[in-house]
Protein backbone atom coordinates (compact mmCIF):
# COMPACT_ATOMS: atom_id res chain seq x y z
CA MET A 1 9.31 -8.44 0.41
CA ILE A 2 10.79 -10.44 -2.48
CA ASN A 3 10.96 -13.70 -0.48
CA VAL A 4 7.38 -13.34 0.74
CA LYS A 5 6.17 -12.56 -2.76
CA LYS A 6 7.97 -15.59 -4.17
CA SER A 7 6.47 -17.90 -1.55
CA LEU A 8 2.95 -16.60 -2.11
CA LEU A 9 3.34 -16.75 -5.89
CA ILE A 10 4.46 -20.39 -5.65
CA VAL A 11 1.39 -21.23 -3.56
CA ALA A 12 -0.88 -19.30 -5.90
CA SER A 13 0.62 -20.97 -8.98
CA ALA A 14 0.21 -24.43 -7.44
CA ILE A 15 -3.45 -23.72 -6.69
CA LEU A 16 -4.10 -22.37 -10.17
CA ILE A 17 -2.35 -25.32 -11.84
CA THR A 18 -4.08 -28.00 -9.77
CA SER A 19 -7.43 -26.26 -10.12
CA LYS A 20 -7.97 -28.00 -13.46
CA ALA A 21 -9.24 -30.96 -11.45
CA PHE A 22 -12.15 -28.83 -10.23
CA ALA A 23 -15.11 -27.40 -12.12
CA GLY A 24 -14.52 -23.68 -12.40
CA SER A 25 -13.00 -20.93 -14.50
CA PHE A 26 -9.74 -19.02 -14.81
CA GLY A 27 -10.01 -15.27 -15.27
CA LEU A 28 -7.76 -12.39 -16.33
CA GLY A 29 -8.64 -8.73 -16.17
CA VAL A 30 -7.93 -5.08 -15.49
CA ALA A 31 -9.31 -2.71 -12.88
CA GLY A 32 -9.68 1.02 -12.43
CA HIS A 33 -9.50 2.40 -8.88
CA VAL A 34 -10.35 5.63 -7.09
CA ALA A 35 -8.72 5.74 -3.65
CA SER A 36 -7.90 7.99 -0.73
CA VAL A 37 -4.77 7.39 1.35
CA SER A 38 -4.35 8.89 4.82
CA ALA A 39 -1.40 8.80 7.21
CA ASP A 40 -0.53 10.24 10.59
CA GLY A 41 2.66 9.93 12.55
CA THR A 42 5.19 11.34 14.98
CA GLU A 43 8.91 12.02 14.78
CA SER A 44 11.18 12.11 17.82
CA THR A 45 14.40 14.10 17.58
CA PRO A 46 17.09 13.70 20.28
CA SER A 47 18.20 17.06 21.68
CA ASP A 48 21.82 18.16 21.27
CA THR A 49 21.64 19.94 24.63
CA GLY A 50 20.64 16.98 26.77
CA THR A 51 17.09 18.22 27.40
CA GLU A 52 13.95 16.23 26.61
CA ASN A 53 13.48 14.96 23.10
CA SER A 54 11.61 17.08 20.59
CA VAL A 55 8.48 15.30 19.34
CA LYS A 56 6.60 16.49 16.25
CA SER A 57 3.42 15.10 14.74
CA ALA A 58 1.87 15.46 11.30
CA THR A 59 -0.91 14.15 9.10
CA ALA A 60 -0.84 13.48 5.36
CA GLY A 61 -3.26 12.44 2.66
CA ASN A 62 -3.81 12.09 -1.05
CA GLU A 63 -6.53 11.08 -3.51
CA PHE A 64 -5.70 9.47 -6.81
CA MET A 65 -6.85 7.17 -9.59
CA PHE A 66 -4.82 4.17 -10.70
CA GLY A 67 -5.08 0.87 -12.52
CA SER A 68 -4.25 -2.73 -11.69
CA VAL A 69 -4.17 -6.14 -13.37
CA PHE A 70 -5.46 -9.36 -11.84
CA ALA A 71 -5.53 -13.12 -12.35
CA GLU A 72 -7.90 -15.40 -10.48
CA TYR A 73 -9.51 -18.80 -10.36
CA THR A 74 -13.13 -19.34 -9.40
CA PHE A 75 -13.98 -22.77 -8.01
CA GLY A 76 -17.19 -24.76 -8.47
CA GLU A 77 -20.04 -24.60 -10.94
CA SER A 78 -21.84 -22.12 -8.70
CA GLU A 79 -18.64 -19.96 -8.64
CA VAL A 80 -18.90 -19.21 -4.93
CA PHE A 81 -15.18 -19.20 -4.01
CA THR A 82 -12.46 -17.22 -5.85
CA PHE A 83 -8.71 -17.01 -5.25
CA GLY A 84 -6.70 -14.30 -7.01
CA ILE A 85 -3.71 -11.98 -7.30
CA ASP A 86 -3.94 -8.24 -7.98
CA TYR A 87 -0.91 -6.10 -8.91
CA VAL A 88 -0.71 -2.30 -9.11
CA PRO A 89 2.10 -1.06 -11.38
CA GLY A 90 3.61 2.38 -10.91
CA SER A 91 3.78 4.51 -7.76
CA ALA A 92 2.01 7.34 -5.91
CA ASP A 93 2.90 9.88 -3.23
CA VAL A 94 1.39 9.40 0.21
CA ASN A 95 0.85 13.15 0.54
CA ARG A 96 -0.44 15.49 -2.17
CA LYS A 97 2.39 17.91 -1.37
CA ASN A 98 5.70 17.73 0.49
CA LEU A 99 5.64 18.44 4.23
CA SER A 100 8.31 20.90 5.38
CA ARG A 101 9.78 22.45 8.49
CA THR A 102 12.44 25.09 9.16
CA ASN A 103 15.22 24.11 11.55
CA VAL A 104 16.91 26.89 13.55
CA THR A 105 19.68 25.96 15.96
CA SER A 106 19.89 27.77 19.27
CA ASP A 107 23.69 27.61 19.45
CA ALA A 108 25.67 29.35 16.72
CA LEU A 109 28.81 27.48 17.81
CA GLU A 110 27.18 24.05 17.49
CA ASP A 111 29.37 21.55 15.64
CA ASN A 112 26.60 20.16 13.46
CA GLN A 113 24.70 23.17 12.12
CA GLN A 114 21.28 22.02 10.87
CA ASP A 115 19.74 25.39 10.03
CA GLY A 116 17.65 25.05 6.89
CA VAL A 117 14.44 23.73 5.40
CA ARG A 118 13.65 20.02 5.63
CA THR A 119 11.02 18.53 3.30
CA ALA A 120 9.58 15.05 3.46
CA ASN A 121 7.19 12.77 1.63
CA ALA A 122 6.83 9.06 0.94
CA GLU A 123 6.07 7.05 -2.18
CA ILE A 124 4.16 3.77 -2.34
CA SER A 125 4.94 1.28 -5.12
CA ASP A 126 4.86 -2.42 -6.11
CA HIS A 127 1.52 -2.99 -4.43
CA ILE A 128 0.41 -6.63 -4.61
CA THR A 129 -2.63 -8.30 -3.03
CA TYR A 130 -3.47 -11.98 -2.64
CA TYR A 131 -7.21 -12.31 -2.05
CA THR A 132 -10.16 -14.62 -1.65
CA GLU A 133 -13.78 -13.81 -2.47
CA PHE A 134 -16.97 -15.50 -1.30
CA GLY A 135 -20.08 -15.02 -3.44
CA GLY A 136 -21.51 -16.36 -6.69
CA MET A 137 -21.85 -14.79 -10.10
CA ASN A 138 -24.62 -12.17 -10.40
CA SER A 139 -24.61 -11.63 -6.63
CA LEU A 140 -22.92 -9.77 -3.80
CA TYR A 141 -19.55 -11.02 -2.55
CA GLY A 142 -17.21 -10.44 0.36
CA LYS A 143 -13.45 -10.11 0.01
CA ILE A 144 -10.39 -10.48 2.21
CA GLY A 145 -6.78 -10.14 1.11
CA PHE A 146 -3.19 -9.94 2.27
CA SER A 147 -1.27 -7.03 0.74
CA GLN A 148 2.32 -5.81 0.61
CA VAL A 149 3.67 -2.46 -0.55
CA ASP A 150 7.09 -0.79 -0.75
CA ILE A 151 7.43 2.58 1.02
CA GLU A 152 10.19 4.81 -0.35
CA THR A 153 11.04 7.86 1.75
CA LYS A 154 11.66 11.13 -0.13
CA ASP A 155 13.54 13.53 2.18
CA THR A 156 15.51 16.64 1.20
CA SER A 157 17.28 19.34 3.22
CA THR A 158 19.00 22.68 2.60
CA SER A 159 21.08 22.27 5.77
CA SER A 160 24.87 22.26 5.55
CA GLY A 161 25.11 19.94 8.53
CA THR A 162 24.62 16.20 8.82
CA GLU A 163 20.95 15.34 8.46
CA GLY A 164 19.36 12.01 9.26
CA PHE A 165 17.38 10.25 6.54
CA TYR A 166 15.03 7.31 6.92
CA PRO A 167 15.36 3.93 5.19
CA ASP A 168 12.81 2.49 2.79
CA LYS A 169 10.44 -0.14 4.15
CA THR A 170 8.06 -2.88 3.03
CA LEU A 171 4.72 -2.91 4.82
CA ASP A 172 2.19 -5.72 5.17
CA ALA A 173 -1.53 -5.04 5.20
CA TRP A 174 -4.95 -6.63 5.31
CA THR A 175 -7.59 -5.66 2.76
CA TYR A 176 -11.34 -6.04 3.35
CA GLY A 177 -14.02 -5.39 0.76
CA PHE A 178 -17.44 -6.15 -0.65
CA GLY A 179 -18.96 -5.80 -4.08
CA TYR A 180 -21.25 -7.05 -6.81
CA LYS A 181 -20.21 -9.46 -9.55
CA GLY A 182 -22.04 -9.87 -12.87
CA GLU A 183 -21.58 -11.14 -16.42
CA PHE A 184 -21.65 -9.64 -19.91
CA GLY A 185 -21.38 -11.38 -23.26
CA THR A 186 -20.43 -15.06 -23.26
CA GLN A 187 -17.14 -14.95 -21.35
CA GLY A 188 -16.93 -11.48 -19.85
CA TYR A 189 -17.63 -10.44 -16.28
CA TYR A 190 -17.44 -7.32 -14.16
CA LYS A 191 -17.09 -6.41 -10.49
CA VAL A 192 -17.97 -3.20 -8.68
CA GLU A 193 -16.40 -3.13 -5.22
CA GLY A 194 -15.40 -1.00 -2.27
CA TYR A 195 -12.48 -1.82 0.00
CA TYR A 196 -10.43 -0.77 2.99
CA THR A 197 -6.71 -1.54 3.45
CA ASN A 198 -5.08 -1.25 6.88
CA TYR A 199 -1.27 -1.29 6.76
CA ASP A 200 1.14 -2.19 9.54
CA SER A 201 2.74 0.80 11.27
CA PHE A 202 5.80 2.33 9.63
CA ASN A 203 8.57 2.45 12.25
CA ALA A 204 12.08 3.54 11.36
CA THR A 205 15.25 5.09 12.79
CA SER A 206 17.24 7.62 10.80
CA THR A 207 21.00 7.73 10.36
CA THR A 208 21.16 10.34 13.15
CA SER A 209 18.98 8.35 15.60
CA ASN A 210 15.73 10.23 14.94
CA THR A 211 12.74 7.91 15.12
CA VAL A 212 9.46 8.01 13.25
CA SER A 213 6.21 6.08 13.61
CA ALA A 214 3.31 6.38 11.18
CA ASP A 215 0.04 4.65 10.34
CA LEU A 216 -1.24 4.31 6.78
CA ASP A 217 -4.77 3.48 5.59
CA VAL A 218 -6.45 3.39 2.17
CA VAL A 219 -10.16 3.53 1.32
CA GLY A 220 -11.08 2.89 -2.29
CA ALA A 221 -13.52 1.72 -4.95
CA ALA A 222 -12.81 -0.31 -8.07
CA LEU A 223 -14.44 -1.34 -11.32
CA ARG A 224 -13.04 -4.66 -12.56
CA LEU A 225 -13.46 -6.10 -16.07
CA GLY A 226 -12.45 -9.70 -16.65
CA TYR A 227 -12.51 -12.49 -19.20
CA LYS A 228 -12.95 -16.09 -18.06
CA PHE A 229 -11.60 -19.15 -19.78
């Protein structure tokens, strides 16, 4: 994720620096979001007895409020095209509570006893979006963006045996939105927007060869307040 972020930041910086040759404005601002995250997935567990794999499925979801900061440049006197970067500090759980299951082995003489309670959740953090908007000031606009987010797995177990835990991942996503953009004062502006973010599937293999596949989506709304220079 770091290399991709660096490359995109270099491109963004070059555009913002060279944009002085165009008529337009540079803006900085903050945003407040209300969003709902939903996820569904399956986990496949190889059987110790040589029978078919055990496959379990689950759904998860959470609603939360959060803030972000953004920097953007709007091109042209009519301010129709905008390029920007939005960053969300902090983190949030994918599910409002930990999912859990109780493992009971069928063979008391099994070498790797995994009897116990297994809990799982995931945390999203370092969310960054590079976006473009099409639409003038005091009008509706459309938005499309490329996003990346870090997914940190949060697994625990009371088992005395060897449990498999999943690695952390970085997911790419596409964000689509629409909103209304207006002005206040001499240099201030605001945006009211709704958006949908569709992330790539989370696919991972644990240290004990379990596999998991999950899909993650976010639907949200934001109020943005900016100041243009």
